[in-house]
Amino acid sequence: MSIPRLHCPGPLAEGTEIEATPAQAHYLGAVMRRAAGDAIHLFNAEHGEFAATLAAIRKDRARFAIGPRRRAPHPTPDLRLIIAAIKRDALEWTVEKATELGVASIHPVFTRRSVTERVNTDRLSLIAREAAEQCERLDIPTITPAASLDTLLATWDGSPILLAAERRDVPPLLTLATNHRLPLALLIGPEGGFTAGELDVLLLHPFVAAAALGPRILRAETAAVAGLALLQAVAGDWTTRAMEWTDVEPR
């Protein structure tokens, strides 16, 4: 039987007890059918991951008894995803997969061809948390409130942005990625792509570079997953440098 992992933002320390949220208690009792004494793993970015047990559980209340630490905290590589506001289901799927791929932050933006005028940041944050619990990462990516593309560019910190640009004679993403180190962002446009005017404005910024993702036209969610995987392999924690980010304590 697999051991549930739960994100707990508060302090975690061996020998202490903490209260579960009502949602966690319901999940463990009603969904996972766990009982007092069963094993749980608790984690957050600040304190790492700890073995724990259910000290008590009843309806929407539960208490965790925290045991030894299993994994020490470690930095998350600063890989970012900027993605146009696409259809809800596609955006939610992309957030889930981007979390599994280890992005540090996700930045939804509104563009001329965005098919929606609203992004539910709370819902996306919940999806990211659940994905982090499943994929064994210690932190949860930041989901920033959706903003216009112009606002994002005006407030960006100057870190390189690699723009996935279809139908343009530009270098492959792999070529550009090998010349950069983190922090680094991948920018994915909406269904139908950026307008010519948006591309012109984007490329006026010195920190933006256009990159090709192969000879085929990809859906936005496909482009996001393909691009993030490549960037993790070249500049992120899929390389031999991944050992710099890992500090696993004996279990």
C-alpha atoms as a PDB file:
ATOM      1  CA  MET A   1       0.000   0.000   0.000  1.00  0.00           C
ATOM      2  CA  SER A   2       1.466   3.333  -1.024  1.00  0.00           C
ATOM      3  CA  ILE A   3       2.077   5.947   1.647  1.00  0.00           C
ATOM      4  CA  PRO A   4       0.228   9.230   1.055  1.00  0.00           C
ATOM      5  CA  ARG A   5       2.316  12.398   0.758  1.00  0.00           C
ATOM      6  CA  LEU A   6       0.815  15.661   1.962  1.00  0.00           C
ATOM      7  CA  HIS A   7       2.095  19.196   1.696  1.00  0.00           C
ATOM      8  CA  CYS A   8       2.067  20.995   5.052  1.00  0.00           C
ATOM      9  CA  PRO A   9       3.189  24.638   4.866  1.00  0.00           C
ATOM     10  CA  GLY A  10       3.787  25.033   8.598  1.00  0.00           C
ATOM     11  CA  PRO A  11       6.826  24.025  10.667  1.00  0.00           C
ATOM     12  CA  LEU A  12       7.816  20.354  10.517  1.00  0.00           C
ATOM     13  CA  ALA A  13      10.067  18.847  13.175  1.00  0.00           C
ATOM     14  CA  GLU A  14      10.635  15.356  14.524  1.00  0.00           C
ATOM     15  CA  GLY A  15       8.834  14.636  17.763  1.00  0.00           C
ATOM     16  CA  THR A  16       6.071  17.196  17.277  1.00  0.00           C
ATOM     17  CA  GLU A  17       2.384  16.872  16.409  1.00  0.00           C
ATOM     18  CA  ILE A  18       0.388  19.076  14.038  1.00  0.00           C
ATOM     19  CA  GLU A  19      -3.244  19.305  13.023  1.00  0.00           C
ATOM     20  CA  ALA A  20      -4.357  18.293   9.539  1.00  0.00           C
ATOM     21  CA  THR A  21      -6.573  20.584   7.525  1.00  0.00           C
ATOM     22  CA  PRO A  22     -10.207  19.481   7.183  1.00  0.00           C
ATOM     23  CA  ALA A  23      -9.552  18.681   3.514  1.00  0.00           C
ATOM     24  CA  GLN A  24      -6.559  16.487   4.420  1.00  0.00           C
ATOM     25  CA  ALA A  25      -8.554  14.687   7.120  1.00  0.00           C
ATOM     26  CA  HIS A  26     -11.409  14.010   4.697  1.00  0.00           C
ATOM     27  CA  TYR A  27      -8.996  12.798   2.031  1.00  0.00           C
ATOM     28  CA  LEU A  28      -7.208  10.420   4.373  1.00  0.00           C
ATOM     29  CA  GLY A  29     -10.306   9.055   6.055  1.00  0.00           C
ATOM     30  CA  ALA A  30     -13.003   9.034   3.376  1.00  0.00           C
ATOM     31  CA  VAL A  31     -10.923   8.657   0.215  1.00  0.00           C
ATOM     32  CA  MET A  32      -7.784   6.768   1.266  1.00  0.00           C
ATOM     33  CA  ARG A  33      -9.453   4.840   4.129  1.00  0.00           C
ATOM     34  CA  ARG A  34      -6.561   5.442   6.500  1.00  0.00           C
ATOM     35  CA  ALA A  35      -6.813   4.924  10.258  1.00  0.00           C
ATOM     36  CA  ALA A  36      -4.899   6.002  13.340  1.00  0.00           C
ATOM     37  CA  GLY A  37      -1.390   4.581  13.315  1.00  0.00           C
ATOM     38  CA  ASP A  38      -1.057   4.521   9.511  1.00  0.00           C
ATOM     39  CA  ALA A  39       2.041   6.002   7.879  1.00  0.00           C
ATOM     40  CA  ILE A  40       2.023   9.409   6.156  1.00  0.00           C
ATOM     41  CA  HIS A  41       4.767  11.507   4.586  1.00  0.00           C
ATOM     42  CA  LEU A  42       4.665  15.268   5.171  1.00  0.00           C
ATOM     43  CA  PHE A  43       6.733  17.815   3.293  1.00  0.00           C
ATOM     44  CA  ASN A  44       7.390  21.426   2.422  1.00  0.00           C
ATOM     45  CA  ALA A  45      10.175  23.375   0.752  1.00  0.00           C
ATOM     46  CA  GLU A  46      11.492  24.934   3.979  1.00  0.00           C
ATOM     47  CA  HIS A  47      11.847  21.838   6.153  1.00  0.00           C
ATOM     48  CA  GLY A  48      12.010  18.893   3.724  1.00  0.00           C
ATOM     49  CA  GLU A  49      10.080  15.626   3.981  1.00  0.00           C
ATOM     50  CA  PHE A  50       9.284  13.711   7.170  1.00  0.00           C
ATOM     51  CA  ALA A  51       7.920  10.293   8.022  1.00  0.00           C
ATOM     52  CA  ALA A  52       4.796  10.637  10.145  1.00  0.00           C
ATOM     53  CA  THR A  53       1.839   8.677  11.460  1.00  0.00           C
ATOM     54  CA  LEU A  54      -1.820   9.478  11.884  1.00  0.00           C
ATOM     55  CA  ALA A  55      -2.059  10.093  15.615  1.00  0.00           C
ATOM     56  CA  ALA A  56      -5.836  10.481  15.405  1.00  0.00           C
ATOM     57  CA  ILE A  57      -8.501  10.858  12.733  1.00  0.00           C
ATOM     58  CA  ARG A  58     -12.244  11.518  12.891  1.00  0.00           C
ATOM     59  CA  LYS A  59     -14.409  12.922  10.085  1.00  0.00           C
ATOM     60  CA  ASP A  60     -12.837  16.249   9.128  1.00  0.00           C
ATOM     61  CA  ARG A  61     -10.238  16.309  11.910  1.00  0.00           C
ATOM     62  CA  ALA A  62      -6.882  14.566  12.133  1.00  0.00           C
ATOM     63  CA  ARG A  63      -3.538  14.966  13.837  1.00  0.00           C
ATOM     64  CA  PHE A  64      -0.098  13.955  12.603  1.00  0.00           C
ATOM     65  CA  ALA A  65       2.779  12.711  14.778  1.00  0.00           C
ATOM     66  CA  ILE A  66       6.004  13.637  13.003  1.00  0.00           C
ATOM     67  CA  GLY A  67       8.904  11.199  12.954  1.00  0.00           C
ATOM     68  CA  PRO A  68      12.392  11.287  11.391  1.00  0.00           C
ATOM     69  CA  ARG A  69      13.224  13.476   8.425  1.00  0.00           C
ATOM     70  CA  ARG A  70      13.491  11.518   5.169  1.00  0.00           C
ATOM     71  CA  ARG A  71      14.770  14.255   2.861  1.00  0.00           C
ATOM     72  CA  ALA A  72      16.445  17.570   3.572  1.00  0.00           C
ATOM     73  CA  PRO A  73      15.249  20.753   1.850  1.00  0.00           C
ATOM     74  CA  HIS A  74      17.101  21.802  -1.287  1.00  0.00           C
ATOM     75  CA  PRO A  75      16.812  24.604  -3.848  1.00  0.00           C
ATOM     76  CA  THR A  76      14.544  24.245  -6.864  1.00  0.00           C
ATOM     77  CA  PRO A  77      16.159  25.106 -10.222  1.00  0.00           C
ATOM     78  CA  ASP A  78      14.678  28.407 -11.390  1.00  0.00           C
ATOM     79  CA  LEU A  79      12.995  27.194 -14.581  1.00  0.00           C
ATOM     80  CA  ARG A  80       9.860  29.177 -15.408  1.00  0.00           C
ATOM     81  CA  LEU A  81       6.900  28.725 -17.720  1.00  0.00           C
ATOM     82  CA  ILE A  82       5.053  31.663 -19.236  1.00  0.00           C
ATOM     83  CA  ILE A  83       1.939  30.482 -21.029  1.00  0.00           C
ATOM     84  CA  ALA A  84      -0.914  32.265 -22.773  1.00  0.00           C
ATOM     85  CA  ALA A  85      -4.365  31.818 -21.290  1.00  0.00           C
ATOM     86  CA  ILE A  86      -5.562  28.778 -23.214  1.00  0.00           C
ATOM     87  CA  LYS A  87      -8.689  26.648 -22.704  1.00  0.00           C
ATOM     88  CA  ARG A  88      -9.305  25.694 -19.079  1.00  0.00           C
ATOM     89  CA  ASP A  89      -8.788  21.944 -19.397  1.00  0.00           C
ATOM     90  CA  ALA A  90      -5.618  22.379 -21.447  1.00  0.00           C
ATOM     91  CA  LEU A  91      -4.218  24.953 -19.020  1.00  0.00           C
ATOM     92  CA  GLU A  92      -4.942  22.778 -16.001  1.00  0.00           C
ATOM     93  CA  TRP A  93      -3.276  19.796 -17.693  1.00  0.00           C
ATOM     94  CA  THR A  94      -0.261  21.959 -18.527  1.00  0.00           C
ATOM     95  CA  VAL A  95       0.082  23.142 -14.921  1.00  0.00           C
ATOM     96  CA  GLU A  96      -0.012  19.550 -13.704  1.00  0.00           C
ATOM     97  CA  LYS A  97       2.678  18.429 -16.154  1.00  0.00           C
ATOM     98  CA  ALA A  98       4.825  21.521 -15.631  1.00  0.00           C
ATOM     99  CA  THR A  99       4.785  20.795 -11.900  1.00  0.00           C
ATOM    100  CA  GLU A 100       5.892  17.218 -12.543  1.00  0.00           C
ATOM    101  CA  LEU A 101       8.664  18.551 -14.793  1.00  0.00           C
ATOM    102  CA  GLY A 102       9.986  20.708 -11.956  1.00  0.00           C
ATOM    103  CA  VAL A 103       9.212  24.299 -12.910  1.00  0.00           C
ATOM    104  CA  ALA A 104       9.682  26.862 -10.179  1.00  0.00           C
ATOM    105  CA  SER A 105       6.927  29.216 -11.342  1.00  0.00           C
ATOM    106  CA  ILE A 106       4.098  29.442 -13.865  1.00  0.00           C
ATOM    107  CA  HIS A 107       2.962  32.771 -15.309  1.00  0.00           C
ATOM    108  CA  PRO A 108      -0.349  32.831 -17.231  1.00  0.00           C
ATOM    109  CA  VAL A 109      -0.664  35.790 -19.618  1.00  0.00           C
ATOM    110  CA  PHE A 110      -3.450  37.267 -21.711  1.00  0.00           C
ATOM    111  CA  THR A 111      -2.678  37.766 -25.399  1.00  0.00           C
ATOM    112  CA  ARG A 112      -4.615  38.990 -28.438  1.00  0.00           C
ATOM    113  CA  ARG A 113      -5.673  35.445 -29.321  1.00  0.00           C
ATOM    114  CA  SER A 114      -6.325  34.155 -25.817  1.00  0.00           C
ATOM    115  CA  VAL A 115      -9.589  32.219 -25.772  1.00  0.00           C
ATOM    116  CA  THR A 116     -10.455  33.158 -22.186  1.00  0.00           C
ATOM    117  CA  GLU A 117     -10.526  36.357 -20.172  1.00  0.00           C
ATOM    118  CA  ARG A 118     -10.225  34.712 -16.768  1.00  0.00           C
ATOM    119  CA  VAL A 119      -7.760  32.352 -15.117  1.00  0.00           C
ATOM    120  CA  ASN A 120      -8.644  30.661 -11.820  1.00  0.00           C
ATOM    121  CA  THR A 121      -5.327  30.952 -10.001  1.00  0.00           C
ATOM    122  CA  ASP A 122      -6.643  29.208  -6.874  1.00  0.00           C
ATOM    123  CA  ARG A 123      -7.721  26.198  -8.922  1.00  0.00           C
ATOM    124  CA  LEU A 124      -4.347  26.055 -10.694  1.00  0.00           C
ATOM    125  CA  SER A 125      -2.524  26.264  -7.349  1.00  0.00           C
ATOM    126  CA  LEU A 126      -4.553  23.319  -6.046  1.00  0.00           C
ATOM    127  CA  ILE A 127      -3.663  21.283  -9.139  1.00  0.00           C
ATOM    128  CA  ALA A 128       0.011  22.167  -8.686  1.00  0.00           C
ATOM    129  CA  ARG A 129      -0.071  21.104  -5.022  1.00  0.00           C
ATOM    130  CA  GLU A 130      -1.678  17.757  -5.821  1.00  0.00           C
ATOM    131  CA  ALA A 131       0.836  17.152  -8.611  1.00  0.00           C
ATOM    132  CA  ALA A 132       3.724  17.973  -6.256  1.00  0.00           C
ATOM    133  CA  GLU A 133       2.394  15.473  -3.712  1.00  0.00           C
ATOM    134  CA  GLN A 134       2.261  12.774  -6.383  1.00  0.00           C
ATOM    135  CA  CYS A 135       5.621  13.401  -8.068  1.00  0.00           C
ATOM    136  CA  GLU A 136       7.663  13.625  -4.835  1.00  0.00           C
ATOM    137  CA  ARG A 137       8.974  17.138  -5.238  1.00  0.00           C
ATOM    138  CA  LEU A 138       9.409  19.104  -2.028  1.00  0.00           C
ATOM    139  CA  ASP A 139       8.019  22.440  -3.148  1.00  0.00           C
ATOM    140  CA  ILE A 140       5.040  23.736  -5.084  1.00  0.00           C
ATOM    141  CA  PRO A 141       5.532  26.028  -8.077  1.00  0.00           C
ATOM    142  CA  THR A 142       4.353  29.596  -7.698  1.00  0.00           C
ATOM    143  CA  ILE A 143       1.334  30.417  -9.864  1.00  0.00           C
ATOM    144  CA  THR A 144       1.287  34.158 -10.490  1.00  0.00           C
ATOM    145  CA  PRO A 145      -1.987  36.016 -11.131  1.00  0.00           C
ATOM    146  CA  ALA A 146      -2.741  36.223 -14.841  1.00  0.00           C
ATOM    147  CA  ALA A 147      -1.637  39.491 -16.418  1.00  0.00           C
ATOM    148  CA  SER A 148      -1.439  40.975 -19.882  1.00  0.00           C
ATOM    149  CA  LEU A 149       1.609  40.140 -21.957  1.00  0.00           C
ATOM    150  CA  ASP A 150       2.606  43.820 -21.874  1.00  0.00           C
ATOM    151  CA  THR A 151       2.414  43.888 -18.075  1.00  0.00           C
ATOM    152  CA  LEU A 152       4.538  40.776 -17.732  1.00  0.00           C
ATOM    153  CA  LEU A 153       7.210  42.179 -20.034  1.00  0.00           C
ATOM    154  CA  ALA A 154       7.220  45.523 -18.207  1.00  0.00           C
ATOM    155  CA  THR A 155       7.681  43.877 -14.801  1.00  0.00           C
ATOM    156  CA  TRP A 156       9.981  40.996 -15.805  1.00  0.00           C
ATOM    157  CA  ASP A 157      13.282  40.743 -13.937  1.00  0.00           C
ATOM    158  CA  GLY A 158      15.402  40.476 -17.086  1.00  0.00           C
ATOM    159  CA  SER A 159      16.010  36.724 -16.949  1.00  0.00           C
ATOM    160  CA  PRO A 160      16.221  35.157 -20.433  1.00  0.00           C
ATOM    161  CA  ILE A 161      12.934  34.183 -22.074  1.00  0.00           C
ATOM    162  CA  LEU A 162      12.985  31.636 -24.883  1.00  0.00           C
ATOM    163  CA  LEU A 163       9.949  32.212 -27.074  1.00  0.00           C
ATOM    164  CA  ALA A 164       8.516  29.205 -28.893  1.00  0.00           C
ATOM    165  CA  ALA A 165       7.944  30.655 -32.363  1.00  0.00           C
ATOM    166  CA  GLU A 166       6.414  28.529 -35.111  1.00  0.00           C
ATOM    167  CA  ARG A 167       6.882  29.183 -38.836  1.00  0.00           C
ATOM    168  CA  ARG A 168       9.938  31.371 -38.278  1.00  0.00           C
ATOM    169  CA  ASP A 169      13.493  30.850 -39.386  1.00  0.00           C
ATOM    170  CA  VAL A 170      15.007  30.876 -35.907  1.00  0.00           C
ATOM    171  CA  PRO A 171      17.513  28.647 -34.086  1.00  0.00           C
ATOM    172  CA  PRO A 172      16.255  25.424 -32.465  1.00  0.00           C
ATOM    173  CA  LEU A 173      15.408  25.601 -28.781  1.00  0.00           C
ATOM    174  CA  LEU A 174      18.210  23.134 -28.051  1.00  0.00           C
ATOM    175  CA  THR A 175      20.784  25.463 -29.631  1.00  0.00           C
ATOM    176  CA  LEU A 176      19.662  28.452 -27.607  1.00  0.00           C
ATOM    177  CA  ALA A 177      19.276  26.477 -24.392  1.00  0.00           C
ATOM    178  CA  THR A 178      22.883  25.288 -24.433  1.00  0.00           C
ATOM    179  CA  ASN A 179      23.997  28.937 -24.249  1.00  0.00           C
ATOM    180  CA  HIS A 180      21.976  29.745 -21.137  1.00  0.00           C
ATOM    181  CA  ARG A 181      21.925  28.887 -17.470  1.00  0.00           C
ATOM    182  CA  LEU A 182      19.078  29.251 -15.035  1.00  0.00           C
ATOM    183  CA  PRO A 183      17.068  31.337 -14.290  1.00  0.00           C
ATOM    184  CA  LEU A 184      15.415  30.757 -17.637  1.00  0.00           C
ATOM    185  CA  ALA A 185      11.837  30.964 -18.910  1.00  0.00           C
ATOM    186  CA  LEU A 186       9.938  29.276 -21.723  1.00  0.00           C
ATOM    187  CA  LEU A 187       7.184  31.348 -23.350  1.00  0.00           C
ATOM    188  CA  ILE A 188       4.304  29.520 -25.043  1.00  0.00           C
ATOM    189  CA  GLY A 189       1.676  31.370 -27.075  1.00  0.00           C
ATOM    190  CA  PRO A 190      -2.067  30.773 -27.459  1.00  0.00           C
ATOM    191  CA  GLU A 191      -3.984  28.652 -29.942  1.00  0.00           C
ATOM    192  CA  GLY A 192      -3.264  30.295 -33.272  1.00  0.00           C
ATOM    193  CA  GLY A 193       0.007  31.721 -32.032  1.00  0.00           C
ATOM    194  CA  PHE A 194       1.051  35.274 -31.259  1.00  0.00           C
ATOM    195  CA  THR A 195       0.060  38.029 -33.651  1.00  0.00           C
ATOM    196  CA  ALA A 196       2.777  39.589 -35.804  1.00  0.00           C
ATOM    197  CA  GLY A 197       2.565  42.717 -33.682  1.00  0.00           C
ATOM    198  CA  GLU A 198       3.002  40.777 -30.452  1.00  0.00           C
ATOM    199  CA  LEU A 199       6.039  38.975 -31.859  1.00  0.00           C
ATOM    200  CA  ASP A 200       7.572  42.292 -32.929  1.00  0.00           C
ATOM    201  CA  VAL A 201       7.057  43.739 -29.429  1.00  0.00           C
ATOM    202  CA  LEU A 202       8.429  40.613 -27.761  1.00  0.00           C
ATOM    203  CA  LEU A 203      11.584  40.587 -29.829  1.00  0.00           C
ATOM    204  CA  LEU A 204      12.302  44.226 -29.052  1.00  0.00           C
ATOM    205  CA  HIS A 205      13.202  43.126 -25.538  1.00  0.00           C
ATOM    206  CA  PRO A 206      16.863  42.109 -25.204  1.00  0.00           C
ATOM    207  CA  PHE A 207      16.040  39.237 -22.843  1.00  0.00           C
ATOM    208  CA  VAL A 208      13.670  37.549 -25.346  1.00  0.00           C
ATOM    209  CA  ALA A 209      14.938  35.163 -28.034  1.00  0.00           C
ATOM    210  CA  ALA A 210      12.799  33.228 -30.532  1.00  0.00           C
ATOM    211  CA  ALA A 211      13.330  29.466 -30.726  1.00  0.00           C
ATOM    212  CA  ALA A 212      11.991  26.671 -32.928  1.00  0.00           C
ATOM    213  CA  LEU A 213      10.375  23.514 -31.579  1.00  0.00           C
ATOM    214  CA  GLY A 214      10.753  21.398 -34.696  1.00  0.00           C
ATOM    215  CA  PRO A 215       9.071  21.267 -38.099  1.00  0.00           C
ATOM    216  CA  ARG A 216       5.546  20.530 -36.857  1.00  0.00           C
ATOM    217  CA  ILE A 217       2.916  22.853 -35.387  1.00  0.00           C
ATOM    218  CA  LEU A 218       2.301  21.851 -31.765  1.00  0.00           C
ATOM    219  CA  ARG A 219      -0.647  22.495 -29.517  1.00  0.00           C
ATOM    220  CA  ALA A 220       0.180  24.951 -26.758  1.00  0.00           C
ATOM    221  CA  GLU A 221       0.152  22.262 -24.062  1.00  0.00           C
ATOM    222  CA  THR A 222       2.320  19.941 -26.175  1.00  0.00           C
ATOM    223  CA  ALA A 223       4.813  22.723 -26.837  1.00  0.00           C
ATOM    224  CA  ALA A 224       5.011  23.519 -23.122  1.00  0.00           C
ATOM    225  CA  VAL A 225       5.784  19.942 -22.107  1.00  0.00           C
ATOM    226  CA  ALA A 226       8.254  19.367 -24.957  1.00  0.00           C
ATOM    227  CA  GLY A 227      10.072  22.637 -24.320  1.00  0.00           C
ATOM    228  CA  LEU A 228      10.281  22.221 -20.555  1.00  0.00           C
ATOM    229  CA  ALA A 229      11.620  18.690 -20.891  1.00  0.00           C
ATOM    230  CA  LEU A 230      14.348  19.896 -23.216  1.00  0.00           C
ATOM    231  CA  LEU A 231      15.296  22.797 -20.940  1.00  0.00           C
ATOM    232  CA  GLN A 232      15.435  20.529 -17.894  1.00  0.00           C
ATOM    233  CA  ALA A 233      17.685  18.129 -19.789  1.00  0.00           C
ATOM    234  CA  VAL A 234      20.060  20.867 -20.923  1.00  0.00           C
ATOM    235  CA  ALA A 235      20.037  23.488 -18.184  1.00  0.00           C
ATOM    236  CA  GLY A 236      17.966  22.114 -15.317  1.00  0.00           C
ATOM    237  CA  ASP A 237      18.020  19.176 -12.930  1.00  0.00           C
ATOM    238  CA  TRP A 238      17.999  16.378 -15.508  1.00  0.00           C
ATOM    239  CA  THR A 239      21.741  16.834 -16.025  1.00  0.00           C
ATOM    240  CA  THR A 240      24.680  15.573 -13.988  1.00  0.00           C
ATOM    241  CA  ARG A 241      24.367  18.866 -12.131  1.00  0.00           C
ATOM    242  CA  ALA A 242      21.183  17.461 -10.599  1.00  0.00           C
ATOM    243  CA  MET A 243      23.301  16.140  -7.729  1.00  0.00           C
ATOM    244  CA  GLU A 244      23.772  19.752  -6.676  1.00  0.00           C
ATOM    245  CA  TRP A 245      20.045  19.888  -5.882  1.00  0.00           C
ATOM    246  CA  THR A 246      19.731  16.568  -4.085  1.00  0.00           C
ATOM    247  CA  ASP A 247      20.295  15.891  -0.407  1.00  0.00           C
ATOM    248  CA  VAL A 248      18.534  12.691   0.592  1.00  0.00           C
ATOM    249  CA  GLU A 249      18.924  11.563   4.162  1.00  0.00           C
ATOM    250  CA  PRO A 250      18.901   7.866   5.182  1.00  0.00           C
ATOM    251  CA  ARG A 251      15.424   6.364   5.377  1.00  0.00           C
END
